[in-house]
Amino acid sequence: MATEKKDTKKAAKPASEAKKKETAAPAKQKCTEYFSRSGTGRALKIRDKASSSGEEIGSIPFGEKAKVYSVEDGWAEVEYNGIKGYSIAAYLTCK
Protein backbone atom coordinates (compact mmCIF):
# COMPACT_ATOMS: atom_id res chain seq x y z
CA MET A 1 0.00 0.00 0.00
CA ALA A 2 1.48 3.34 -1.08
CA THR A 3 1.47 6.29 1.31
CA GLU A 4 0.51 9.74 0.08
CA LYS A 5 2.92 12.54 0.68
CA LYS A 6 1.25 15.77 1.78
CA ASP A 7 2.53 19.09 0.52
CA THR A 8 3.47 21.07 3.64
CA LYS A 9 4.68 24.18 1.80
CA LYS A 10 2.53 27.27 2.21
CA ALA A 11 1.21 28.82 -0.96
CA ALA A 12 2.74 32.16 -1.81
CA LYS A 13 0.41 35.14 -1.48
CA PRO A 14 -0.35 37.15 -4.59
CA ALA A 15 1.86 40.20 -5.06
CA SER A 16 -1.16 42.52 -4.65
CA GLU A 17 -1.81 41.19 -1.11
CA ALA A 18 1.83 41.56 -0.11
CA LYS A 19 1.81 45.16 -1.36
CA LYS A 20 -1.30 45.94 0.75
CA LYS A 21 0.47 44.83 3.94
CA GLU A 22 3.45 47.07 3.22
CA THR A 23 1.33 50.20 2.76
CA ALA A 24 -1.52 49.45 5.17
CA ALA A 25 -0.20 51.35 8.21
CA PRO A 26 1.43 54.77 8.06
CA ALA A 27 4.79 55.24 9.74
CA LYS A 28 4.47 56.10 13.42
CA GLN A 29 5.82 59.40 14.61
CA LYS A 30 8.61 59.17 17.17
CA CYS A 31 7.27 61.85 19.44
CA THR A 32 6.37 61.78 23.12
CA GLU A 33 5.35 65.42 23.60
CA TYR A 34 2.14 66.51 21.94
CA PHE A 35 0.14 69.73 21.96
CA SER A 36 -3.59 69.97 22.55
CA ARG A 37 -5.37 71.13 19.41
CA SER A 38 -9.00 70.67 20.38
CA GLY A 39 -11.16 71.47 17.36
CA THR A 40 -13.13 74.03 19.34
CA GLY A 41 -10.17 75.81 20.94
CA ARG A 42 -11.26 74.53 24.34
CA ALA A 43 -9.36 72.32 26.77
CA LEU A 44 -9.00 68.62 25.95
CA LYS A 45 -10.48 66.32 28.59
CA ILE A 46 -8.38 63.73 30.39
CA ARG A 47 -10.44 60.69 31.39
CA ASP A 48 -9.77 57.84 33.83
CA LYS A 49 -10.27 55.21 31.09
CA ALA A 50 -10.03 55.14 27.32
CA SER A 51 -13.72 55.75 26.76
CA SER A 52 -16.02 58.74 26.40
CA SER A 53 -17.90 57.31 29.38
CA GLY A 54 -14.77 57.57 31.56
CA GLU A 55 -14.81 60.08 34.39
CA GLU A 56 -13.19 63.43 33.57
CA ILE A 57 -10.16 63.74 35.88
CA GLY A 58 -8.46 66.76 34.32
CA SER A 59 -7.88 68.66 31.11
CA ILE A 60 -5.15 69.91 28.80
CA PRO A 61 -5.65 73.58 27.85
CA PHE A 62 -5.61 74.39 24.13
CA GLY A 63 -2.02 74.67 22.86
CA GLU A 64 -0.44 73.20 25.99
CA LYS A 65 2.12 70.38 25.90
CA ALA A 66 1.36 66.91 27.32
CA LYS A 67 3.38 63.72 27.52
CA VAL A 68 1.98 60.80 25.49
CA TYR A 69 2.92 57.26 26.54
CA SER A 70 0.95 55.28 23.96
CA VAL A 71 -1.89 55.48 21.46
CA GLU A 72 -4.40 52.68 20.92
CA ASP A 73 -7.85 52.56 19.32
CA GLY A 74 -7.97 56.34 18.97
CA TRP A 75 -7.10 57.06 22.61
CA ALA A 76 -3.80 58.44 23.89
CA GLU A 77 -2.45 57.60 27.34
CA VAL A 78 -1.35 61.05 28.52
CA GLU A 79 0.13 62.95 31.43
CA TYR A 80 -0.38 66.66 32.04
CA ASN A 81 0.52 68.49 35.27
CA GLY A 82 0.90 65.17 37.10
CA ILE A 83 -2.51 63.88 35.97
CA LYS A 84 -2.32 60.57 34.09
CA GLY A 85 -5.25 59.36 32.03
CA TYR A 86 -6.64 59.15 28.50
CA SER A 87 -7.53 61.72 25.84
CA ILE A 88 -8.79 61.44 22.28
CA ALA A 89 -5.63 61.12 20.17
CA ALA A 90 -7.09 63.00 17.18
CA TYR A 91 -6.96 66.22 19.22
CA LEU A 92 -3.24 65.95 19.95
CA THR A 93 -0.51 66.89 17.51
CA CYS A 94 3.25 66.34 17.57
CA LYS A 95 5.28 69.54 17.18
PDB file of N, CA and C in Angstrom:
ATOM      1  N   MET A   1       0.839  -1.174   0.000  1.00  0.00           N
ATOM      2  CA  MET A   1       0.000   0.000   0.000  1.00  0.00           C
ATOM      3  C   MET A   1       0.887   1.241   0.000  1.00  0.00           C
ATOM      4  N   ALA A   2       0.669   2.134  -0.941  1.00  0.00           N
ATOM      5  CA  ALA A   2       1.481   3.343  -1.082  1.00  0.00           C
ATOM      6  C   ALA A   2       0.967   4.422  -0.144  1.00  0.00           C
ATOM      7  N   THR A   3       1.881   5.187   0.433  1.00  0.00           N
ATOM      8  CA  THR A   3       1.471   6.286   1.306  1.00  0.00           C
ATOM      9  C   THR A   3       1.547   7.592   0.530  1.00  0.00           C
ATOM     10  N   GLU A   4       0.536   8.438   0.764  1.00  0.00           N
ATOM     11  CA  GLU A   4       0.506   9.736   0.080  1.00  0.00           C
ATOM     12  C   GLU A   4       1.371  10.721   0.831  1.00  0.00           C
ATOM     13  N   LYS A   5       2.083  11.511   0.082  1.00  0.00           N
ATOM     14  CA  LYS A   5       2.919  12.541   0.678  1.00  0.00           C
ATOM     15  C   LYS A   5       2.177  13.868   0.600  1.00  0.00           C
ATOM     16  N   LYS A   6       1.965  14.489   1.753  1.00  0.00           N
ATOM     17  CA  LYS A   6       1.250  15.767   1.775  1.00  0.00           C
ATOM     18  C   LYS A   6       2.217  16.912   1.525  1.00  0.00           C
ATOM     19  N   ASP A   7       1.729  17.901   0.795  1.00  0.00           N
ATOM     20  CA  ASP A   7       2.533  19.089   0.523  1.00  0.00           C
ATOM     21  C   ASP A   7       2.408  20.025   1.720  1.00  0.00           C
ATOM     22  N   THR A   8       3.497  20.240   2.439  1.00  0.00           N
ATOM     23  CA  THR A   8       3.468  21.075   3.638  1.00  0.00           C
ATOM     24  C   THR A   8       3.920  22.506   3.366  1.00  0.00           C
ATOM     25  N   LYS A   9       4.255  22.821   2.125  1.00  0.00           N
ATOM     26  CA  LYS A   9       4.682  24.184   1.797  1.00  0.00           C
ATOM     27  C   LYS A   9       3.465  25.089   1.738  1.00  0.00           C
ATOM     28  N   LYS A  10       3.615  26.297   2.255  1.00  0.00           N
ATOM     29  CA  LYS A  10       2.525  27.270   2.205  1.00  0.00           C
ATOM     30  C   LYS A  10       2.522  27.931   0.844  1.00  0.00           C
ATOM     31  N   ALA A  11       1.331  28.166   0.343  1.00  0.00           N
ATOM     32  CA  ALA A  11       1.209  28.824  -0.957  1.00  0.00           C
ATOM     33  C   ALA A  11       1.615  30.281  -0.824  1.00  0.00           C
ATOM     34  N   ALA A  12       2.305  30.761  -1.819  1.00  0.00           N
ATOM     35  CA  ALA A  12       2.737  32.163  -1.811  1.00  0.00           C
ATOM     36  C   ALA A  12       1.526  33.064  -2.020  1.00  0.00           C
ATOM     37  N   LYS A  13       1.503  34.192  -1.328  1.00  0.00           N
ATOM     38  CA  LYS A  13       0.410  35.140  -1.483  1.00  0.00           C
ATOM     39  C   LYS A  13       0.617  35.932  -2.768  1.00  0.00           C
ATOM     40  N   PRO A  14      -0.485  36.321  -3.396  1.00  0.00           N
ATOM     41  CA  PRO A  14      -0.354  37.148  -4.590  1.00  0.00           C
ATOM     42  C   PRO A  14       0.377  38.443  -4.277  1.00  0.00           C
ATOM     43  N   ALA A  15       1.081  38.985  -5.248  1.00  0.00           N
ATOM     44  CA  ALA A  15       1.857  40.205  -5.055  1.00  0.00           C
ATOM     45  C   ALA A  15       0.984  41.360  -4.591  1.00  0.00           C
ATOM     46  N   SER A  16      -0.268  41.417  -5.054  1.00  0.00           N
ATOM     47  CA  SER A  16      -1.158  42.517  -4.653  1.00  0.00           C
ATOM     48  C   SER A  16      -1.445  42.486  -3.157  1.00  0.00           C
ATOM     49  N   GLU A  17      -1.576  41.300  -2.558  1.00  0.00           N
ATOM     50  CA  GLU A  17      -1.813  41.189  -1.113  1.00  0.00           C
ATOM     51  C   GLU A  17      -0.576  41.595  -0.330  1.00  0.00           C
ATOM     52  N   ALA A  18       0.588  41.203  -0.790  1.00  0.00           N
ATOM     53  CA  ALA A  18       1.833  41.562  -0.112  1.00  0.00           C
ATOM     54  C   ALA A  18       2.010  43.065  -0.130  1.00  0.00           C
ATOM     55  N   LYS A  19       1.682  43.707  -1.231  1.00  0.00           N
ATOM     56  CA  LYS A  19       1.814  45.161  -1.356  1.00  0.00           C
ATOM     57  C   LYS A  19       0.890  45.860  -0.365  1.00  0.00           C
ATOM     58  N   LYS A  20      -0.341  45.347  -0.185  1.00  0.00           N
ATOM     59  CA  LYS A  20      -1.297  45.936   0.747  1.00  0.00           C
ATOM     60  C   LYS A  20      -0.730  45.970   2.159  1.00  0.00           C
ATOM     61  N   LYS A  21      -0.092  44.883   2.590  1.00  0.00           N
ATOM     62  CA  LYS A  21       0.473  44.825   3.936  1.00  0.00           C
ATOM     63  C   LYS A  21       1.552  45.880   4.128  1.00  0.00           C
ATOM     64  N   GLU A  22       2.348  46.110   3.119  1.00  0.00           N
ATOM     65  CA  GLU A  22       3.446  47.074   3.223  1.00  0.00           C
ATOM     66  C   GLU A  22       2.939  48.495   3.390  1.00  0.00           C
ATOM     67  N   THR A  23       1.825  48.832   2.750  1.00  0.00           N
ATOM     68  CA  THR A  23       1.332  50.204   2.760  1.00  0.00           C
ATOM     69  C   THR A  23       0.119  50.405   3.663  1.00  0.00           C
ATOM     70  N   ALA A  24      -0.305  49.369   4.377  1.00  0.00           N
ATOM     71  CA  ALA A  24      -1.520  49.447   5.175  1.00  0.00           C
ATOM     72  C   ALA A  24      -1.426  50.437   6.328  1.00  0.00           C
ATOM     73  N   ALA A  25      -0.316  50.482   7.040  1.00  0.00           N
ATOM     74  CA  ALA A  25      -0.201  51.349   8.211  1.00  0.00           C
ATOM     75  C   ALA A  25       0.830  52.446   7.957  1.00  0.00           C
ATOM     76  N   PRO A  26       0.452  53.700   8.233  1.00  0.00           N
ATOM     77  CA  PRO A  26       1.429  54.773   8.057  1.00  0.00           C
ATOM     78  C   PRO A  26       2.543  54.671   9.096  1.00  0.00           C
ATOM     79  N   ALA A  27       3.666  55.251   8.797  1.00  0.00           N
ATOM     80  CA  ALA A  27       4.794  55.236   9.739  1.00  0.00           C
ATOM     81  C   ALA A  27       4.406  55.987  11.003  1.00  0.00           C
ATOM     82  N   LYS A  28       4.781  55.446  12.147  1.00  0.00           N
ATOM     83  CA  LYS A  28       4.471  56.095  13.423  1.00  0.00           C
ATOM     84  C   LYS A  28       5.475  57.206  13.683  1.00  0.00           C
ATOM     85  N   GLN A  29       4.948  58.302  14.252  1.00  0.00           N
ATOM     86  CA  GLN A  29       5.824  59.402  14.612  1.00  0.00           C
ATOM     87  C   GLN A  29       6.572  59.031  15.879  1.00  0.00           C
ATOM     88  N   LYS A  30       7.829  59.414  15.952  1.00  0.00           N
ATOM     89  CA  LYS A  30       8.606  59.171  17.167  1.00  0.00           C
ATOM     90  C   LYS A  30       8.579  60.453  17.984  1.00  0.00           C
ATOM     91  N   CYS A  31       7.489  60.621  18.688  1.00  0.00           N
ATOM     92  CA  CYS A  31       7.267  61.847  19.435  1.00  0.00           C
ATOM     93  C   CYS A  31       6.575  61.477  20.742  1.00  0.00           C
ATOM     94  N   THR A  32       7.020  62.057  21.844  1.00  0.00           N
ATOM     95  CA  THR A  32       6.370  61.782  23.122  1.00  0.00           C
ATOM     96  C   THR A  32       5.712  63.034  23.705  1.00  0.00           C
ATOM     97  N   GLU A  33       5.982  64.188  23.124  1.00  0.00           N
ATOM     98  CA  GLU A  33       5.346  65.418  23.599  1.00  0.00           C
ATOM     99  C   GLU A  33       4.414  65.942  22.513  1.00  0.00           C
ATOM    100  N   TYR A  34       3.168  66.076  22.877  1.00  0.00           N
ATOM    101  CA  TYR A  34       2.143  66.512  21.938  1.00  0.00           C
ATOM    102  C   TYR A  34       1.478  67.769  22.472  1.00  0.00           C
ATOM    103  N   PHE A  35       0.851  68.522  21.585  1.00  0.00           N
ATOM    104  CA  PHE A  35       0.138  69.728  21.956  1.00  0.00           C
ATOM    105  C   PHE A  35      -1.356  69.525  21.740  1.00  0.00           C
ATOM    106  N   SER A  36      -2.139  70.041  22.668  1.00  0.00           N
ATOM    107  CA  SER A  36      -3.587  69.968  22.550  1.00  0.00           C
ATOM    108  C   SER A  36      -4.019  70.852  21.393  1.00  0.00           C
ATOM    109  N   ARG A  37      -4.860  70.336  20.526  1.00  0.00           N
ATOM    110  CA  ARG A  37      -5.372  71.125  19.414  1.00  0.00           C
ATOM    111  C   ARG A  37      -6.861  70.878  19.268  1.00  0.00           C
ATOM    112  N   SER A  38      -7.557  70.895  20.369  1.00  0.00           N
ATOM    113  CA  SER A  38      -8.996  70.667  20.378  1.00  0.00           C
ATOM    114  C   SER A  38      -9.643  71.464  19.261  1.00  0.00           C
ATOM    115  N   GLY A  39     -10.518  70.837  18.504  1.00  0.00           N
ATOM    116  CA  GLY A  39     -11.162  71.467  17.358  1.00  0.00           C
ATOM    117  C   GLY A  39     -11.944  72.716  17.703  1.00  0.00           C
ATOM    118  N   THR A  40     -12.324  72.879  18.938  1.00  0.00           N
ATOM    119  CA  THR A  40     -13.126  74.032  19.342  1.00  0.00           C
ATOM    120  C   THR A  40     -12.291  75.108  20.027  1.00  0.00           C
ATOM    121  N   GLY A  41     -11.001  74.846  20.238  1.00  0.00           N
ATOM    122  CA  GLY A  41     -10.166  75.810  20.944  1.00  0.00           C
ATOM    123  C   GLY A  41     -10.307  75.705  22.457  1.00  0.00           C
ATOM    124  N   ARG A  42     -11.083  74.735  22.905  1.00  0.00           N
ATOM    125  CA  ARG A  42     -11.261  74.529  24.344  1.00  0.00           C
ATOM    126  C   ARG A  42     -10.276  73.490  24.840  1.00  0.00           C
ATOM    127  N   ALA A  43     -10.241  73.304  26.155  1.00  0.00           N
ATOM    128  CA  ALA A  43      -9.359  72.320  26.773  1.00  0.00           C
ATOM    129  C   ALA A  43      -9.772  70.901  26.376  1.00  0.00           C
ATOM    130  N   LEU A  44      -8.782  70.030  26.276  1.00  0.00           N
ATOM    131  CA  LEU A  44      -9.001  68.623  25.945  1.00  0.00           C
ATOM    132  C   LEU A  44      -9.149  67.833  27.240  1.00  0.00           C
ATOM    133  N   LYS A  45     -10.203  67.073  27.361  1.00  0.00           N
ATOM    134  CA  LYS A  45     -10.480  66.320  28.586  1.00  0.00           C
ATOM    135  C   LYS A  45      -9.515  65.152  28.762  1.00  0.00           C
ATOM    136  N   ILE A  46      -9.138  64.921  30.010  1.00  0.00           N
ATOM    137  CA  ILE A  46      -8.380  63.734  30.394  1.00  0.00           C
ATOM    138  C   ILE A  46      -9.353  62.862  31.178  1.00  0.00           C
ATOM    139  N   ARG A  47      -9.484  61.596  30.756  1.00  0.00           N
ATOM    140  CA  ARG A  47     -10.437  60.687  31.394  1.00  0.00           C
ATOM    141  C   ARG A  47      -9.711  59.554  32.109  1.00  0.00           C
ATOM    142  N   ASP A  48     -10.401  58.920  33.050  1.00  0.00           N
ATOM    143  CA  ASP A  48      -9.775  57.842  33.832  1.00  0.00           C
ATOM    144  C   ASP A  48      -9.686  56.523  33.071  1.00  0.00           C
ATOM    145  N   LYS A  49     -10.385  56.393  31.957  1.00  0.00           N
ATOM    146  CA  LYS A  49     -10.270  55.214  31.094  1.00  0.00           C
ATOM    147  C   LYS A  49     -10.439  55.646  29.646  1.00  0.00           C
ATOM    148  N   ALA A  50     -10.006  54.819  28.738  1.00  0.00           N
ATOM    149  CA  ALA A  50     -10.026  55.139  27.316  1.00  0.00           C
ATOM    150  C   ALA A  50     -11.430  54.952  26.749  1.00  0.00           C
ATOM    151  N   SER A  51     -12.326  55.818  27.185  1.00  0.00           N
ATOM    152  CA  SER A  51     -13.721  55.750  26.761  1.00  0.00           C
ATOM    153  C   SER A  51     -14.386  57.090  27.029  1.00  0.00           C
ATOM    154  N   SER A  52     -15.314  57.488  26.170  1.00  0.00           N
ATOM    155  CA  SER A  52     -16.019  58.745  26.403  1.00  0.00           C
ATOM    156  C   SER A  52     -16.897  58.671  27.646  1.00  0.00           C
ATOM    157  N   SER A  53     -17.130  57.460  28.145  1.00  0.00           N
ATOM    158  CA  SER A  53     -17.901  57.308  29.384  1.00  0.00           C
ATOM    159  C   SER A  53     -17.007  57.370  30.625  1.00  0.00           C
ATOM    160  N   GLY A  54     -15.688  57.457  30.425  1.00  0.00           N
ATOM    161  CA  GLY A  54     -14.774  57.566  31.555  1.00  0.00           C
ATOM    162  C   GLY A  54     -14.950  58.889  32.288  1.00  0.00           C
ATOM    163  N   GLU A  55     -14.670  58.868  33.571  1.00  0.00           N
ATOM    164  CA  GLU A  55     -14.806  60.076  34.389  1.00  0.00           C
ATOM    165  C   GLU A  55     -13.738  61.101  33.993  1.00  0.00           C
ATOM    166  N   GLU A  56     -14.134  62.354  33.884  1.00  0.00           N
ATOM    167  CA  GLU A  56     -13.185  63.427  33.570  1.00  0.00           C
ATOM    168  C   GLU A  56     -12.366  63.719  34.826  1.00  0.00           C
ATOM    169  N   ILE A  57     -11.029  63.554  34.713  1.00  0.00           N
ATOM    170  CA  ILE A  57     -10.161  63.741  35.879  1.00  0.00           C
ATOM    171  C   ILE A  57      -9.236  64.945  35.717  1.00  0.00           C
ATOM    172  N   GLY A  58      -9.292  65.586  34.569  1.00  0.00           N
ATOM    173  CA  GLY A  58      -8.462  66.759  34.316  1.00  0.00           C
ATOM    174  C   GLY A  58      -8.644  67.217  32.884  1.00  0.00           C
ATOM    175  N   SER A  59      -7.815  68.177  32.481  1.00  0.00           N
ATOM    176  CA  SER A  59      -7.884  68.664  31.109  1.00  0.00           C
ATOM    177  C   SER A  59      -6.547  69.259  30.693  1.00  0.00           C
ATOM    178  N   ILE A  60      -6.354  69.317  29.381  1.00  0.00           N
ATOM    179  CA  ILE A  60      -5.153  69.912  28.802  1.00  0.00           C
ATOM    180  C   ILE A  60      -5.611  71.170  28.061  1.00  0.00           C
ATOM    181  N   PRO A  61      -5.232  72.363  28.524  1.00  0.00           N
ATOM    182  CA  PRO A  61      -5.649  73.579  27.846  1.00  0.00           C
ATOM    183  C   PRO A  61      -5.174  73.614  26.391  1.00  0.00           C
ATOM    184  N   PHE A  62      -5.944  74.268  25.544  1.00  0.00           N
ATOM    185  CA  PHE A  62      -5.611  74.395  24.127  1.00  0.00           C
ATOM    186  C   PHE A  62      -4.189  74.933  23.964  1.00  0.00           C
ATOM    187  N   GLY A  63      -3.383  74.241  23.150  1.00  0.00           N
ATOM    188  CA  GLY A  63      -2.022  74.671  22.857  1.00  0.00           C
ATOM    189  C   GLY A  63      -0.974  74.251  23.870  1.00  0.00           C
ATOM    190  N   GLU A  64      -1.384  73.628  24.970  1.00  0.00           N
ATOM    191  CA  GLU A  64      -0.436  73.195  25.992  1.00  0.00           C
ATOM    192  C   GLU A  64       0.171  71.845  25.641  1.00  0.00           C
ATOM    193  N   LYS A  65       1.366  71.596  26.168  1.00  0.00           N
ATOM    194  CA  LYS A  65       2.123  70.384  25.895  1.00  0.00           C
ATOM    195  C   LYS A  65       1.789  69.303  26.922  1.00  0.00           C
ATOM    196  N   ALA A  66       1.610  68.063  26.443  1.00  0.00           N
ATOM    197  CA  ALA A  66       1.357  66.912  27.321  1.00  0.00           C
ATOM    198  C   ALA A  66       2.250  65.761  26.889  1.00  0.00           C
ATOM    199  N   LYS A  67       2.582  64.912  27.828  1.00  0.00           N
ATOM    200  CA  LYS A  67       3.378  63.720  27.520  1.00  0.00           C
ATOM    201  C   LYS A  67       2.425  62.606  27.080  1.00  0.00           C
ATOM    202  N   VAL A  68       2.783  61.906  26.001  1.00  0.00           N
ATOM    203  CA  VAL A  68       1.979  60.798  25.492  1.00  0.00           C
ATOM    204  C   VAL A  68       2.794  59.522  25.622  1.00  0.00           C
ATOM    205  N   TYR A  69       2.238  58.529  26.325  1.00  0.00           N
ATOM    206  CA  TYR A  69       2.920  57.259  26.539  1.00  0.00           C
ATOM    207  C   TYR A  69       2.603  56.243  25.449  1.00  0.00           C
ATOM    208  N   SER A  70       1.357  56.231  25.004  1.00  0.00           N
ATOM    209  CA  SER A  70       0.953  55.283  23.961  1.00  0.00           C
ATOM    210  C   SER A  70      -0.346  55.760  23.328  1.00  0.00           C
ATOM    211  N   VAL A  71      -0.643  55.191  22.146  1.00  0.00           N
ATOM    212  CA  VAL A  71      -1.894  55.478  21.457  1.00  0.00           C
ATOM    213  C   VAL A  71      -2.467  54.151  20.986  1.00  0.00           C
ATOM    214  N   GLU A  72      -3.739  53.916  21.323  1.00  0.00           N
ATOM    215  CA  GLU A  72      -4.398  52.684  20.918  1.00  0.00           C
ATOM    216  C   GLU A  72      -5.886  52.930  20.730  1.00  0.00           C
ATOM    217  N   ASP A  73      -6.417  52.451  19.629  1.00  0.00           N
ATOM    218  CA  ASP A  73      -7.850  52.560  19.316  1.00  0.00           C
ATOM    219  C   ASP A  73      -8.358  53.995  19.418  1.00  0.00           C
ATOM    220  N   GLY A  74      -7.546  54.952  18.995  1.00  0.00           N
ATOM    221  CA  GLY A  74      -7.969  56.344  18.972  1.00  0.00           C
ATOM    222  C   GLY A  74      -7.813  57.094  20.284  1.00  0.00           C
ATOM    223  N   TRP A  75      -7.286  56.428  21.302  1.00  0.00           N
ATOM    224  CA  TRP A  75      -7.099  57.056  22.606  1.00  0.00           C
ATOM    225  C   TRP A  75      -5.610  57.120  22.946  1.00  0.00           C
ATOM    226  N   ALA A  76      -5.193  58.252  23.482  1.00  0.00           N
ATOM    227  CA  ALA A  76      -3.804  58.440  23.893  1.00  0.00           C
ATOM    228  C   ALA A  76      -3.720  58.366  25.415  1.00  0.00           C
ATOM    229  N   GLU A  77      -2.730  57.612  25.903  1.00  0.00           N
ATOM    230  CA  GLU A  77      -2.450  57.599  27.336  1.00  0.00           C
ATOM    231  C   GLU A  77      -1.551  58.803  27.581  1.00  0.00           C
ATOM    232  N   VAL A  78      -2.032  59.771  28.368  1.00  0.00           N
ATOM    233  CA  VAL A  78      -1.347  61.053  28.521  1.00  0.00           C
ATOM    234  C   VAL A  78      -1.030  61.382  29.973  1.00  0.00           C
ATOM    235  N   GLU A  79      -0.137  62.360  30.116  1.00  0.00           N
ATOM    236  CA  GLU A  79       0.131  62.946  31.428  1.00  0.00           C
ATOM    237  C   GLU A  79       0.261  64.450  31.239  1.00  0.00           C
ATOM    238  N   TYR A  80      -0.454  65.199  32.068  1.00  0.00           N
ATOM    239  CA  TYR A  80      -0.378  66.657  32.038  1.00  0.00           C
ATOM    240  C   TYR A  80      -0.477  67.160  33.476  1.00  0.00           C
ATOM    241  N   ASN A  81       0.492  67.948  33.898  1.00  0.00           N
ATOM    242  CA  ASN A  81       0.525  68.494  35.270  1.00  0.00           C
ATOM    243  C   ASN A  81       0.341  67.412  36.335  1.00  0.00           C
ATOM    244  N   GLY A  82       0.974  66.246  36.126  1.00  0.00           N
ATOM    245  CA  GLY A  82       0.901  65.166  37.097  1.00  0.00           C
ATOM    246  C   GLY A  82      -0.357  64.324  37.031  1.00  0.00           C
ATOM    247  N   ILE A  83      -1.273  64.650  36.129  1.00  0.00           N
ATOM    248  CA  ILE A  83      -2.506  63.880  35.973  1.00  0.00           C
ATOM    249  C   ILE A  83      -2.306  62.903  34.820  1.00  0.00           C
ATOM    250  N   LYS A  84      -2.452  61.610  35.116  1.00  0.00           N
ATOM    251  CA  LYS A  84      -2.317  60.575  34.085  1.00  0.00           C
ATOM    252  C   LYS A  84      -3.691  60.016  33.755  1.00  0.00           C
ATOM    253  N   GLY A  85      -3.966  59.895  32.463  1.00  0.00           N
ATOM    254  CA  GLY A  85      -5.253  59.363  32.027  1.00  0.00           C
ATOM    255  C   GLY A  85      -5.271  59.216  30.514  1.00  0.00           C
ATOM    256  N   TYR A  86      -6.458  59.373  29.926  1.00  0.00           N
ATOM    257  CA  TYR A  86      -6.643  59.145  28.497  1.00  0.00           C
ATOM    258  C   TYR A  86      -7.362  60.314  27.845  1.00  0.00           C
ATOM    259  N   SER A  87      -6.902  60.665  26.639  1.00  0.00           N
ATOM    260  CA  SER A  87      -7.528  61.719  25.844  1.00  0.00           C
ATOM    261  C   SER A  87      -7.684  61.215  24.418  1.00  0.00           C
ATOM    262  N   ILE A  88      -8.594  61.823  23.678  1.00  0.00           N
ATOM    263  CA  ILE A  88      -8.789  61.435  22.284  1.00  0.00           C
ATOM    264  C   ILE A  88      -7.553  61.859  21.493  1.00  0.00           C
ATOM    265  N   ALA A  89      -6.902  60.889  20.868  1.00  0.00           N
ATOM    266  CA  ALA A  89      -5.627  61.121  20.171  1.00  0.00           C
ATOM    267  C   ALA A  89      -5.755  62.090  18.997  1.00  0.00           C
ATOM    268  N   ALA A  90      -6.905  62.133  18.351  1.00  0.00           N
ATOM    269  CA  ALA A  90      -7.091  63.001  17.184  1.00  0.00           C
ATOM    270  C   ALA A  90      -6.924  64.478  17.533  1.00  0.00           C
ATOM    271  N   TYR A  91      -7.065  64.833  18.801  1.00  0.00           N
ATOM    272  CA  TYR A  91      -6.959  66.223  19.224  1.00  0.00           C
ATOM    273  C   TYR A  91      -5.591  66.563  19.795  1.00  0.00           C
ATOM    274  N   LEU A  92      -4.624  65.694  19.535  1.00  0.00           N
ATOM    275  CA  LEU A  92      -3.240  65.947  19.948  1.00  0.00           C
ATOM    276  C   LEU A  92      -2.366  65.947  18.699  1.00  0.00           C
ATOM    277  N   THR A  93      -1.403  66.838  18.662  1.00  0.00           N
ATOM    278  CA  THR A  93      -0.511  66.888  17.514  1.00  0.00           C
ATOM    279  C   THR A  93       0.939  66.993  17.975  1.00  0.00           C
ATOM    280  N   CYS A  94       1.818  66.313  17.266  1.00  0.00           N
ATOM    281  CA  CYS A  94       3.249  66.338  17.575  1.00  0.00           C
ATOM    282  C   CYS A  94       3.848  67.590  16.950  1.00  0.00           C
ATOM    283  N   LYS A  95       4.633  68.326  17.718  1.00  0.00           N
ATOM    284  CA  LYS A  95       5.280  69.539  17.180  1.00  0.00           C
ATOM    285  C   LYS A  95       6.746  69.507  17.476  1.00  0.00           C
TER     286      LYS A  95
END
